[in-house]
Amino acid sequence: MSKKRTNYSSAFKAKLVLELLQNESTLAQIASKHNI
């Protein structure tokens, strides 16, 4: 069986983008922090 794809809300995506732009964190660091 294939794994079901997770759909993330627009608000969640916007929050991650803002976090990426405001911090010195890399995309990989933010992704692992939020388990995505």
N, C-alpha and C. Protein backbone atom coordinates (compact mmCIF):
# COMPACT_ATOMS: atom_id res chain seq x y z
N MET A 1 0.82 -1.19 0.00
CA MET A 1 0.00 0.00 0.00
C MET A 1 0.86 1.25 0.00
N SER A 2 0.45 2.21 -0.76
CA SER A 2 1.22 3.44 -0.80
C SER A 2 0.84 4.35 0.36
N LYS A 3 1.77 5.20 0.71
CA LYS A 3 1.56 6.12 1.82
C LYS A 3 0.67 7.27 1.38
N LYS A 4 -0.29 7.64 2.24
CA LYS A 4 -1.20 8.74 1.91
C LYS A 4 -0.44 10.06 1.97
N ARG A 5 -0.64 10.89 0.99
CA ARG A 5 0.02 12.19 0.94
C ARG A 5 -0.60 13.16 1.93
N THR A 6 0.25 13.89 2.62
CA THR A 6 -0.24 14.87 3.60
C THR A 6 -0.44 16.21 2.92
N ASN A 7 -1.60 16.81 3.16
CA ASN A 7 -1.88 18.15 2.64
C ASN A 7 -1.75 19.14 3.78
N TYR A 8 -0.92 20.16 3.55
CA TYR A 8 -0.69 21.18 4.57
C TYR A 8 -1.52 22.41 4.24
N SER A 9 -2.04 23.05 5.28
CA SER A 9 -2.89 24.23 5.07
C SER A 9 -2.04 25.41 4.61
N SER A 10 -2.70 26.37 3.99
CA SER A 10 -2.02 27.58 3.53
C SER A 10 -1.43 28.34 4.71
N ALA A 11 -2.13 28.35 5.83
CA ALA A 11 -1.64 29.05 7.02
C ALA A 11 -0.35 28.41 7.53
N PHE A 12 -0.30 27.08 7.52
CA PHE A 12 0.89 26.38 7.97
C PHE A 12 2.07 26.68 7.05
N LYS A 13 1.83 26.67 5.75
CA LYS A 13 2.88 26.97 4.78
C LYS A 13 3.39 28.40 4.95
N ALA A 14 2.47 29.34 5.14
CA ALA A 14 2.86 30.74 5.32
C ALA A 14 3.70 30.90 6.58
N LYS A 15 3.32 30.19 7.64
CA LYS A 15 4.08 30.25 8.90
C LYS A 15 5.51 29.76 8.69
N LEU A 16 5.67 28.69 7.93
CA LEU A 16 7.00 28.15 7.67
C LEU A 16 7.84 29.11 6.83
N VAL A 17 7.22 29.73 5.84
CA VAL A 17 7.94 30.68 4.99
C VAL A 17 8.40 31.88 5.81
N LEU A 18 7.52 32.40 6.66
CA LEU A 18 7.89 33.52 7.52
C LEU A 18 9.03 33.14 8.45
N GLU A 19 8.97 31.95 8.99
CA GLU A 19 10.04 31.48 9.87
C GLU A 19 11.36 31.38 9.11
N LEU A 20 11.30 30.93 7.89
CA LEU A 20 12.50 30.81 7.06
C LEU A 20 13.10 32.18 6.76
N LEU A 21 12.24 33.16 6.46
CA LEU A 21 12.72 34.49 6.11
C LEU A 21 13.24 35.27 7.32
N GLN A 22 12.69 35.03 8.49
CA GLN A 22 13.06 35.80 9.67
C GLN A 22 14.29 35.25 10.38
N ASN A 23 14.54 33.97 10.26
CA ASN A 23 15.63 33.34 11.01
C ASN A 23 16.81 33.04 10.12
N GLU A 24 17.86 32.61 10.77
CA GLU A 24 19.06 32.17 10.06
C GLU A 24 19.01 30.67 9.79
N SER A 25 17.88 30.04 10.07
CA SER A 25 17.73 28.60 9.88
C SER A 25 17.67 28.26 8.39
N THR A 26 18.12 27.06 8.08
CA THR A 26 17.99 26.58 6.70
C THR A 26 16.64 25.91 6.53
N LEU A 27 16.28 25.68 5.30
CA LEU A 27 15.02 25.00 4.99
C LEU A 27 15.00 23.61 5.61
N ALA A 28 16.12 22.91 5.55
CA ALA A 28 16.20 21.56 6.12
C ALA A 28 16.00 21.58 7.63
N GLN A 29 16.56 22.57 8.31
CA GLN A 29 16.40 22.67 9.76
C GLN A 29 14.94 22.91 10.13
N ILE A 30 14.27 23.80 9.40
CA ILE A 30 12.87 24.09 9.67
C ILE A 30 12.00 22.87 9.38
N ALA A 31 12.29 22.17 8.30
CA ALA A 31 11.52 20.98 7.94
C ALA A 31 11.64 19.90 9.01
N SER A 32 12.85 19.67 9.50
CA SER A 32 13.01 18.64 10.53
C SER A 32 12.38 19.07 11.85
N LYS A 33 12.40 20.35 12.14
CA LYS A 33 11.77 20.87 13.37
C LYS A 33 10.27 20.61 13.36
N HIS A 34 9.64 20.71 12.18
CA HIS A 34 8.20 20.53 12.05
C HIS A 34 7.82 19.13 11.54
N ASN A 35 8.80 18.24 11.48
CA ASN A 35 8.57 16.84 11.06
C ASN A 35 7.93 16.72 9.69
N ILE A 36 8.46 17.44 8.73
CA ILE A 36 7.97 17.32 7.36
C ILE A 36 9.10 16.95 6.42
